C-alpha atoms as a PDB file:
ATOM      1  CA  MET A   1       3.535  -5.836  -1.545  1.00  0.00           C
ATOM      2  CA  LYS A   2       6.890  -6.388   0.101  1.00  0.00           C
ATOM      3  CA  HIS A   3       9.164  -9.343  -0.500  1.00  0.00           C
ATOM      4  CA  VAL A   4      12.260  -9.871   1.593  1.00  0.00           C
ATOM      5  CA  ARG A   5      15.010 -11.573  -0.234  1.00  0.00           C
ATOM      6  CA  LYS A   6      16.377 -14.620   1.552  1.00  0.00           C
ATOM      7  CA  GLU A   7      20.098 -14.997   1.233  1.00  0.00           C
ATOM      8  CA  THR A   8      20.976 -18.419  -0.136  1.00  0.00           C
ATOM      9  CA  PRO A   9      24.395 -19.970  -0.734  1.00  0.00           C
ATOM     10  CA  ARG A  10      25.792 -19.389  -4.217  1.00  0.00           C
ATOM     11  CA  SER A  11      27.355 -22.180  -6.221  1.00  0.00           C
ATOM     12  CA  CYS A  12      30.473 -23.898  -4.895  1.00  0.00           C
ATOM     13  CA  LEU A  13      32.483 -22.315  -7.676  1.00  0.00           C
ATOM     14  CA  SER A  14      31.254 -18.832  -6.757  1.00  0.00           C
ATOM     15  CA  LEU A  15      32.168 -19.362  -3.134  1.00  0.00           C
ATOM     16  CA  PHE A  16      35.576 -20.743  -4.040  1.00  0.00           C
ATOM     17  CA  LEU A  17      36.405 -17.840  -6.328  1.00  0.00           C
ATOM     18  CA  SER A  18      35.109 -15.358  -3.800  1.00  0.00           C
ATOM     19  CA  ALA A  19      37.312 -16.785  -1.062  1.00  0.00           C
ATOM     20  CA  ARG A  20      40.408 -17.108  -3.242  1.00  0.00           C
ATOM     21  CA  CYS A  21      40.178 -14.034  -5.424  1.00  0.00           C
ATOM     22  CA  HIS A  22      37.960 -11.676  -3.424  1.00  0.00           C
ATOM     23  CA  ILE A  23      35.472 -11.491  -6.310  1.00  0.00           C
ATOM     24  CA  ASN A  24      31.892 -10.445  -5.482  1.00  0.00           C
ATOM     25  CA  PRO A  25      29.846 -13.690  -5.644  1.00  0.00           C
ATOM     26  CA  GLY A  26      26.806 -11.696  -6.770  1.00  0.00           C
ATOM     27  CA  VAL A  27      28.670 -10.580  -9.894  1.00  0.00           C
ATOM     28  CA  ILE A  28      29.679 -14.175 -10.622  1.00  0.00           C
ATOM     29  CA  TYR A  29      26.149 -15.432 -10.074  1.00  0.00           C
ATOM     30  CA  ARG A  30      24.619 -12.862 -12.386  1.00  0.00           C
ATOM     31  CA  GLY A  31      27.238 -13.645 -14.982  1.00  0.00           C
ATOM     32  CA  PHE A  32      26.251 -17.316 -14.853  1.00  0.00           C
ATOM     33  CA  LEU A  33      22.612 -16.243 -14.972  1.00  0.00           C
ATOM     34  CA  LEU A  34      23.143 -14.322 -18.196  1.00  0.00           C
ATOM     35  CA  LEU A  35      25.055 -17.213 -19.752  1.00  0.00           C
ATOM     36  CA  TRP A  36      22.314 -19.613 -18.693  1.00  0.00           C
ATOM     37  CA  LEU A  37      19.653 -17.448 -20.310  1.00  0.00           C
ATOM     38  CA  ILE A  38      21.574 -17.325 -23.589  1.00  0.00           C
ATOM     39  CA  ALA A  39      22.386 -21.043 -23.560  1.00  0.00           C
ATOM     40  CA  THR A  40      18.881 -22.259 -22.734  1.00  0.00           C
ATOM     41  CA  CYS A  41      16.883 -19.884 -24.911  1.00  0.00           C
ATOM     42  CA  PRO A  42      15.298 -21.891 -27.773  1.00  0.00           C
ATOM     43  CA  ILE A  43      16.091 -20.790 -31.311  1.00  0.00           C
ATOM     44  CA  GLN A  44      12.506 -19.748 -32.079  1.00  0.00           C
ATOM     45  CA  ALA A  45      12.462 -17.461 -29.022  1.00  0.00           C
ATOM     46  CA  GLN A  46      15.852 -15.826 -29.251  1.00  0.00           C
ATOM     47  CA  GLU A  47      14.225 -12.393 -28.991  1.00  0.00           C
ATOM     48  CA  THR A  48      13.280 -13.217 -25.412  1.00  0.00           C
ATOM     49  CA  ASP A  49      15.720 -11.166 -23.393  1.00  0.00           C
ATOM     50  CA  ILE A  50      16.649 -11.040 -19.760  1.00  0.00           C
ATOM     51  CA  GLU A  51      13.942  -8.468 -19.021  1.00  0.00           C
ATOM     52  CA  LEU A  52      11.180 -10.794 -20.190  1.00  0.00           C
ATOM     53  CA  GLN A  53      12.690 -13.646 -18.212  1.00  0.00           C
ATOM     54  CA  ALA A  54      12.896 -11.437 -15.116  1.00  0.00           C
ATOM     55  CA  LEU A  55       9.247 -10.437 -15.556  1.00  0.00           C
ATOM     56  CA  MET A  56       8.226 -14.065 -15.919  1.00  0.00           C
ATOM     57  CA  TRP A  57      10.006 -14.997 -12.696  1.00  0.00           C
ATOM     58  CA  PHE A  58       8.373 -12.034 -10.959  1.00  0.00           C
ATOM     59  CA  THR A  59       4.913 -13.110 -12.142  1.00  0.00           C
ATOM     60  CA  GLU A  60       5.564 -16.677 -11.017  1.00  0.00           C
ATOM     61  CA  GLY A  61       6.662 -15.494  -7.576  1.00  0.00           C
ATOM     62  CA  ASP A  62      10.293 -16.545  -7.963  1.00  0.00           C
ATOM     63  CA  PHE A  63      11.505 -13.264  -6.539  1.00  0.00           C
ATOM     64  CA  GLU A  64      15.120 -14.229  -5.906  1.00  0.00           C
ATOM     65  CA  LYS A  65      15.745 -15.069  -9.554  1.00  0.00           C
ATOM     66  CA  SER A  66      13.725 -12.055 -10.658  1.00  0.00           C
ATOM     67  CA  ARG A  67      15.710  -9.761  -8.399  1.00  0.00           C
ATOM     68  CA  ASP A  68      19.040 -11.107  -9.667  1.00  0.00           C
ATOM     69  CA  ALA A  69      17.945 -10.683 -13.274  1.00  0.00           C
ATOM     70  CA  PHE A  70      16.786  -7.099 -12.740  1.00  0.00           C
ATOM     71  CA  GLU A  71      19.997  -6.279 -10.873  1.00  0.00           C
ATOM     72  CA  THR A  72      21.908  -7.631 -13.867  1.00  0.00           C
ATOM     73  CA  ILE A  73      19.957  -5.234 -16.081  1.00  0.00           C
ATOM     74  CA  LEU A  74      20.806  -2.279 -13.823  1.00  0.00           C
ATOM     75  CA  GLU A  75      24.502  -3.079 -14.094  1.00  0.00           C
ATOM     76  CA  SER A  76      24.258  -2.247 -17.805  1.00  0.00           C
ATOM     77  CA  VAL A  77      21.413   0.270 -17.701  1.00  0.00           C
ATOM     78  CA  PRO A  78      21.308   1.929 -14.242  1.00  0.00           C
ATOM     79  CA  GLU A  79      18.161   3.917 -15.095  1.00  0.00           C
ATOM     80  CA  HIS A  80      16.140   1.042 -16.573  1.00  0.00           C
ATOM     81  CA  PRO A  81      12.536   1.891 -15.523  1.00  0.00           C
ATOM     82  CA  VAL A  82      11.093  -1.632 -15.530  1.00  0.00           C
ATOM     83  CA  ALA A  83      13.975  -2.958 -13.429  1.00  0.00           C
ATOM     84  CA  LEU A  84      13.734  -0.040 -10.974  1.00  0.00           C
ATOM     85  CA  TYR A  85       9.981  -0.490 -10.588  1.00  0.00           C
ATOM     86  CA  HIS A  86      10.084  -4.213  -9.946  1.00  0.00           C
ATOM     87  CA  LEU A  87      13.099  -4.024  -7.648  1.00  0.00           C
ATOM     88  CA  GLY A  88      11.117  -1.448  -5.676  1.00  0.00           C
ATOM     89  CA  ARG A  89       8.254  -3.883  -5.346  1.00  0.00           C
ATOM     90  CA  MET A  90      10.611  -6.564  -4.047  1.00  0.00           C
ATOM     91  CA  SER A  91      12.345  -4.335  -1.493  1.00  0.00           C
ATOM     92  CA  GLU A  92      11.744  -3.055   2.001  1.00  0.00           C
ATOM     93  CA  ASP A  93      10.427   0.489   2.318  1.00  0.00           C
ATOM     94  CA  ARG A  94      13.724   2.365   2.632  1.00  0.00           C
ATOM     95  CA  LEU A  95      15.297   0.795  -0.450  1.00  0.00           C
ATOM     96  CA  ALA A  96      12.017   0.666  -2.365  1.00  0.00           C
ATOM     97  CA  GLU A  97      11.651   4.413  -1.996  1.00  0.00           C
ATOM     98  CA  GLN A  98      15.044   4.953  -3.630  1.00  0.00           C
ATOM     99  CA  PHE A  99      14.196   2.711  -6.584  1.00  0.00           C
ATOM    100  CA  TYR A 100      10.866   4.498  -7.126  1.00  0.00           C
ATOM    101  CA  LEU A 101      12.365   7.981  -6.812  1.00  0.00           C
ATOM    102  CA  LYS A 102      15.047   7.104  -9.345  1.00  0.00           C
ATOM    103  CA  LEU A 103      12.386   5.818 -11.739  1.00  0.00           C
ATOM    104  CA  LEU A 104      10.369   9.024 -11.357  1.00  0.00           C
ATOM    105  CA  SER A 105      13.476  11.150 -11.850  1.00  0.00           C
ATOM    106  CA  HIS A 106      14.609   9.485 -15.059  1.00  0.00           C
ATOM    107  CA  ALA A 107      11.342   8.225 -16.579  1.00  0.00           C
ATOM    108  CA  PRO A 108       8.437  10.325 -15.222  1.00  0.00           C
ATOM    109  CA  LYS A 109       6.155   9.389 -18.143  1.00  0.00           C
ATOM    110  CA  HIS A 110       6.760   5.646 -17.988  1.00  0.00           C
ATOM    111  CA  LYS A 111       3.727   3.383 -17.654  1.00  0.00           C
ATOM    112  CA  HIS A 112       4.820   2.372 -14.138  1.00  0.00           C
ATOM    113  CA  SER A 113       5.547   5.901 -12.907  1.00  0.00           C
ATOM    114  CA  ALA A 114       2.114   6.755 -11.502  1.00  0.00           C
ATOM    115  CA  ASP A 115       1.986   3.473  -9.603  1.00  0.00           C
ATOM    116  CA  ALA A 116       5.529   4.041  -8.320  1.00  0.00           C
ATOM    117  CA  LEU A 117       4.471   7.423  -6.943  1.00  0.00           C
ATOM    118  CA  LEU A 118       1.387   5.917  -5.304  1.00  0.00           C
ATOM    119  CA  ARG A 119       3.607   3.311  -3.665  1.00  0.00           C
ATOM    120  CA  ILE A 120       5.800   6.141  -2.355  1.00  0.00           C
ATOM    121  CA  VAL A 121       2.680   7.721  -0.820  1.00  0.00           C
ATOM    122  CA  LYS A 122       1.971   4.468   1.006  1.00  0.00           C
ATOM    123  CA  ILE A 123       5.582   4.156   2.176  1.00  0.00           C
ATOM    124  CA  TYR A 124       5.455   7.685   3.630  1.00  0.00           C
ATOM    125  CA  TYR A 125       2.106   6.954   5.291  1.00  0.00           C
ATOM    126  CA  ARG A 126       3.326   3.693   6.844  1.00  0.00           C
ATOM    127  CA  ASN A 127       6.382   5.417   8.228  1.00  0.00           C
ATOM    128  CA  GLY A 128       4.582   8.415   9.712  1.00  0.00           C
ATOM    129  CA  ARG A 129       5.864  10.868   7.103  1.00  0.00           C
ATOM    130  CA  HIS A 130       2.423  12.356   6.672  1.00  0.00           C
ATOM    131  CA  LYS A 131       3.301  15.770   5.248  1.00  0.00           C
ATOM    132  CA  GLU A 132       5.458  14.125   2.591  1.00  0.00           C
ATOM    133  CA  ALA A 133       2.617  11.691   1.899  1.00  0.00           C
ATOM    134  CA  VAL A 134       0.217  14.604   1.330  1.00  0.00           C
ATOM    135  CA  GLN A 135       2.690  16.284  -1.019  1.00  0.00           C
ATOM    136  CA  ALA A 136       3.264  13.073  -2.970  1.00  0.00           C
ATOM    137  CA  SER A 137      -0.508  12.472  -3.252  1.00  0.00           C
ATOM    138  CA  ASN A 138      -1.088  15.970  -4.612  1.00  0.00           C
ATOM    139  CA  ARG A 139       1.806  15.533  -7.017  1.00  0.00           C
ATOM    140  CA  LEU A 140       0.336  12.273  -8.303  1.00  0.00           C
ATOM    141  CA  LEU A 141      -3.017  13.861  -9.095  1.00  0.00           C
ATOM    142  CA  ALA A 142      -1.378  16.899 -10.692  1.00  0.00           C
ATOM    143  CA  VAL A 143       1.213  15.106 -12.820  1.00  0.00           C
ATOM    144  CA  TYR A 144      -0.908  12.132 -13.887  1.00  0.00           C
ATOM    145  CA  PRO A 145      -4.411  13.483 -14.630  1.00  0.00           C
ATOM    146  CA  GLY A 146      -6.727  10.810 -15.938  1.00  0.00           C
ATOM    147  CA  THR A 147      -4.657   7.956 -14.555  1.00  0.00           C
ATOM    148  CA  ASN A 148      -6.564   4.753 -13.855  1.00  0.00           C
ATOM    149  CA  LEU A 149      -5.250   5.111 -10.309  1.00  0.00           C
ATOM    150  CA  GLU A 150      -7.157   8.359  -9.768  1.00  0.00           C
ATOM    151  CA  VAL A 151      -9.772   6.949  -7.373  1.00  0.00           C
ATOM    152  CA  GLU A 152      -7.189   5.204  -5.238  1.00  0.00           C
ATOM    153  CA  ALA A 153      -4.964   8.277  -5.331  1.00  0.00           C
ATOM    154  CA  ARG A 154      -7.798  10.535  -4.153  1.00  0.00           C
ATOM    155  CA  TYR A 155      -8.625   8.117  -1.357  1.00  0.00           C
ATOM    156  CA  TRP A 156      -5.013   8.142  -0.214  1.00  0.00           C
ATOM    157  CA  LEU A 157      -4.915  11.928  -0.386  1.00  0.00           C
ATOM    158  CA  GLY A 158      -7.840  12.006   2.035  1.00  0.00           C
ATOM    159  CA  LEU A 159      -6.188   9.420   4.252  1.00  0.00           C
ATOM    160  CA  THR A 160      -2.876  11.274   4.363  1.00  0.00           C
ATOM    161  CA  LEU A 161      -4.602  14.597   5.081  1.00  0.00           C
ATOM    162  CA  LEU A 162      -6.437  12.939   7.950  1.00  0.00           C
ATOM    163  CA  ALA A 163      -3.181  11.551   9.322  1.00  0.00           C
ATOM    164  CA  ASP A 164      -1.637  15.018   8.970  1.00  0.00           C
ATOM    165  CA  LYS A 165      -4.450  16.403  11.170  1.00  0.00           C
ATOM    166  CA  GLN A 166      -6.030  18.314   8.293  1.00  0.00           C
ATOM    167  CA  SER A 167      -9.419  16.793   9.008  1.00  0.00           C
ATOM    168  CA  GLU A 168     -11.591  19.337   7.188  1.00  0.00           C
ATOM    169  CA  LEU A 169      -9.556  19.057   3.991  1.00  0.00           C
ATOM    170  CA  ALA A 170      -9.602  15.287   4.341  1.00  0.00           C
ATOM    171  CA  ARG A 171     -13.381  15.282   4.630  1.00  0.00           C
ATOM    172  CA  LEU A 172     -13.773  17.529   1.583  1.00  0.00           C
ATOM    173  CA  THR A 173     -11.459  15.209  -0.365  1.00  0.00           C
ATOM    174  CA  PHE A 174     -13.497  12.153   0.638  1.00  0.00           C
ATOM    175  CA  ILE A 175     -16.811  13.858  -0.187  1.00  0.00           C
ATOM    176  CA  GLN A 176     -15.521  14.972  -3.579  1.00  0.00           C
ATOM    177  CA  LEU A 177     -14.353  11.437  -4.313  1.00  0.00           C
ATOM    178  CA  LEU A 178     -17.841  10.060  -3.660  1.00  0.00           C
ATOM    179  CA  GLN A 179     -19.461  12.804  -5.730  1.00  0.00           C
ATOM    180  CA  VAL A 180     -17.231  12.228  -8.746  1.00  0.00           C
ATOM    181  CA  HIS A 181     -17.046   8.437  -8.404  1.00  0.00           C
ATOM    182  CA  PRO A 182     -20.220   7.248  -6.621  1.00  0.00           C
ATOM    183  CA  GLN A 183     -19.697   3.649  -7.719  1.00  0.00           C
ATOM    184  CA  THR A 184     -16.288   2.672  -6.443  1.00  0.00           C
ATOM    185  CA  ASP A 185     -14.669  -0.097  -4.426  1.00  0.00           C
ATOM    186  CA  TYR A 186     -13.432   2.655  -2.107  1.00  0.00           C
ATOM    187  CA  GLU A 187     -16.945   3.804  -1.147  1.00  0.00           C
ATOM    188  CA  ILE A 188     -17.055   2.185   2.306  1.00  0.00           C
ATOM    189  CA  PRO A 189     -13.463   3.095   3.318  1.00  0.00           C
ATOM    190  CA  THR A 190     -14.124   6.641   2.094  1.00  0.00           C
ATOM    191  CA  ARG A 191     -17.304   6.948   4.169  1.00  0.00           C
ATOM    192  CA  ILE A 192     -15.411   5.631   7.185  1.00  0.00           C
ATOM    193  CA  GLY A 193     -12.796   8.303   6.474  1.00  0.00           C
ATOM    194  CA  ILE A 194     -15.532  10.964   6.610  1.00  0.00           C
ATOM    195  CA  ALA A 195     -16.686   9.656   9.993  1.00  0.00           C
ATOM    196  CA  GLU A 196     -13.094   9.634  11.220  1.00  0.00           C
ATOM    197  CA  SER A 197     -12.632  13.246  10.132  1.00  0.00           C
ATOM    198  CA  TYR A 198     -15.561  14.304  12.353  1.00  0.00           C
ATOM    199  CA  ARG A 199     -14.233  12.199  15.191  1.00  0.00           C
ATOM    200  CA  THR A 200     -10.785  13.827  14.881  1.00  0.00           C
ATOM    201  CA  GLU A 201     -12.433  17.248  15.166  1.00  0.00           C
ATOM    202  CA  GLU A 202     -14.361  16.031  18.223  1.00  0.00           C
ATOM    203  CA  SER A 203     -17.623  16.605  16.393  1.00  0.00           C
ATOM    204  CA  PHE A 204     -18.899  13.462  18.066  1.00  0.00           C
ATOM    205  CA  VAL A 205     -22.587  13.594  17.119  1.00  0.00           C
ATOM    206  CA  GLU A 206     -21.741  14.033  13.425  1.00  0.00           C
ATOM    207  CA  ALA A 207     -19.156  11.270  13.691  1.00  0.00           C
ATOM    208  CA  ALA A 208     -21.631   8.854  15.325  1.00  0.00           C
ATOM    209  CA  ARG A 209     -24.221   9.653  12.665  1.00  0.00           C
ATOM    210  CA  ALA A 210     -21.698   9.011   9.878  1.00  0.00           C
ATOM    211  CA  TYR A 211     -20.671   5.702  11.424  1.00  0.00           C
ATOM    212  CA  LEU A 212     -24.247   4.514  11.944  1.00  0.00           C
ATOM    213  CA  GLN A 213     -25.194   5.363   8.364  1.00  0.00           C
ATOM    214  CA  LEU A 214     -22.770   2.612   7.373  1.00  0.00           C
ATOM    215  CA  GLU A 215     -24.567  -0.067   9.398  1.00  0.00           C
ATOM    216  CA  PRO A 216     -27.042  -1.208   6.681  1.00  0.00           C
ATOM    217  CA  ASP A 217     -24.200  -1.634   4.171  1.00  0.00           C
ATOM    218  CA  LEU A 218     -21.992  -3.581   6.584  1.00  0.00           C
ATOM    219  CA  ARG A 219     -24.487  -6.113   7.953  1.00  0.00           C
ATOM    220  CA  LYS A 220     -22.546  -8.969   6.375  1.00  0.00           C
ATOM    221  CA  SER A 221     -19.124  -7.524   7.156  1.00  0.00           C
ATOM    222  CA  ASP A 222     -16.887  -8.062  10.147  1.00  0.00           C
ATOM    223  CA  SER A 223     -16.015  -4.366   9.926  1.00  0.00           C
ATOM    224  CA  LEU A 224     -19.427  -3.591  11.408  1.00  0.00           C
ATOM    225  CA  ARG A 225     -18.142  -4.350  14.919  1.00  0.00           C
ATOM    226  CA  ILE A 226     -15.549  -1.572  14.645  1.00  0.00           C
ATOM    227  CA  VAL A 227     -18.060   0.899  13.220  1.00  0.00           C
ATOM    228  CA  LEU A 228     -20.579   0.184  16.009  1.00  0.00           C
ATOM    229  CA  PHE A 229     -17.890   0.411  18.674  1.00  0.00           C
ATOM    230  CA  ARG A 230     -16.672   3.801  17.436  1.00  0.00           C
ATOM    231  CA  ALA A 231     -20.214   5.086  17.041  1.00  0.00           C
ATOM    232  CA  GLY A 232     -20.935   4.133  20.652  1.00  0.00           C
ATOM    233  CA  GLN A 233     -17.757   5.818  21.845  1.00  0.00           C
ATOM    234  CA  CYS A 234     -18.658   9.009  19.997  1.00  0.00           C
ATOM    235  CA  LEU A 235     -22.154   9.025  21.492  1.00  0.00           C
ATOM    236  CA  GLU A 236     -20.652   8.595  24.948  1.00  0.00           C
ATOM    237  CA  GLU A 237     -18.290  11.501  24.319  1.00  0.00           C
ATOM    238  CA  ALA A 238     -21.290  13.582  23.238  1.00  0.00           C
ATOM    239  CA  GLY A 239     -23.053  12.774  26.511  1.00  0.00           C
ATOM    240  CA  ARG A 240     -25.665  10.550  24.882  1.00  0.00           C
ATOM    241  CA  SER A 241     -25.211   7.528  27.123  1.00  0.00           C
ATOM    242  CA  GLN A 242     -28.595   5.956  26.462  1.00  0.00           C
ATOM    243  CA  GLU A 243     -28.117   6.012  22.685  1.00  0.00           C
ATOM    244  CA  ALA A 244     -24.602   4.667  23.137  1.00  0.00           C
ATOM    245  CA  GLY A 245     -26.040   1.805  25.179  1.00  0.00           C
ATOM    246  CA  HIS A 246     -28.366   0.802  22.347  1.00  0.00           C
ATOM    247  CA  VAL A 247     -25.465   0.783  19.913  1.00  0.00           C
ATOM    248  CA  TYR A 248     -23.293  -1.273  22.282  1.00  0.00           C
ATOM    249  CA  ASN A 249     -26.114  -3.797  22.718  1.00  0.00           C
ATOM    250  CA  ARG A 250     -26.296  -4.291  18.962  1.00  0.00           C
ATOM    251  CA  LEU A 251     -22.545  -4.824  18.996  1.00  0.00           C
ATOM    252  CA  ARG A 252     -22.798  -7.446  21.758  1.00  0.00           C
ATOM    253  CA  ASP A 253     -25.677  -9.257  20.046  1.00  0.00           C
ATOM    254  CA  ARG A 254     -23.961  -9.440  16.673  1.00  0.00           C
ATOM    255  CA  PHE A 255     -20.344  -9.940  17.796  1.00  0.00           C
ATOM    256  CA  PRO A 256     -20.435 -11.439  21.313  1.00  0.00           C
ATOM    257  CA  ASP A 257     -16.894 -12.861  21.111  1.00  0.00           C
ATOM    258  CA  SER A 258     -15.239  -9.812  19.581  1.00  0.00           C
ATOM    259  CA  ASP A 259     -12.504  -7.812  21.266  1.00  0.00           C
ATOM    260  CA  GLU A 260     -14.833  -4.813  21.234  1.00  0.00           C
ATOM    261  CA  ALA A 261     -17.589  -6.663  23.109  1.00  0.00           C
ATOM    262  CA  ARG A 262     -15.109  -7.973  25.663  1.00  0.00           C
ATOM    263  CA  SER A 263     -13.753  -4.469  26.082  1.00  0.00           C
ATOM    264  CA  LEU A 264     -17.235  -3.209  26.925  1.00  0.00           C
ATOM    265  CA  ASP A 265     -17.728  -5.975  29.485  1.00  0.00           C
ATOM    266  CA  ASN A 266     -14.350  -5.342  31.084  1.00  0.00           C
ATOM    267  CA  THR A 267     -15.018  -1.622  31.464  1.00  0.00           C
ATOM    268  CA  GLY A 268     -18.577  -2.145  32.653  1.00  0.00           C
ATOM    269  CA  ASN A 269     -20.105  -0.201  29.809  1.00  0.00           C
ATOM    270  CA  MET A 270     -23.887  -0.592  29.786  1.00  0.00           C
END
């Protein structure tokens, strides 16, 4: 989840002081924020501190206020793990990575650390840093055994290995995931990953078979059009044009207005 902070004008007083005295308006704003929190906090809830308020704003989706509050925390405690984690979640990839790495460096056993590392894996993957993504995935599984993110972490290890052109290792990772966790929300994506690993190796018959084995489980899913299209392509690559034609016909019948069906018509495929 990425949230881009929109710059909004500060108070008139902040702008005036900034122009006259060259004072950072962000510092002024956060100072007012802290005073506001103290002034408005009811007596029976005086234990509620700025961290709890920042978390509440984050949960409510008021990310600008949440960001300012967490930045205020970092001014006093630069290594505050909760602030680093949530600022990472509200930042673009480049800055988010720095927040997460700092959290992992200073608080590797914190409750948010495993998730921070998984988010780093995804940042590396999105930005084509596949070898680093593989290393981060392996580190996650080694450093945080038994984490409730294990299934997702293993799936991402397979995905990053596949992107790093280590298709056999990716396939073994996916197969192991299904063996250890047969009932998982990642079952279908993992099975698609297995098919993709065969396709990457140009083992087209095995890839087509793996794709088509998904068909019964995807009858009510829009993803079926992609699976059928790739299965047909693999059969064509394997020289099995007649079988590919049957698969393409099922694709046309089920998804006549899809991009895949139009692509077949435009190229004159069966």
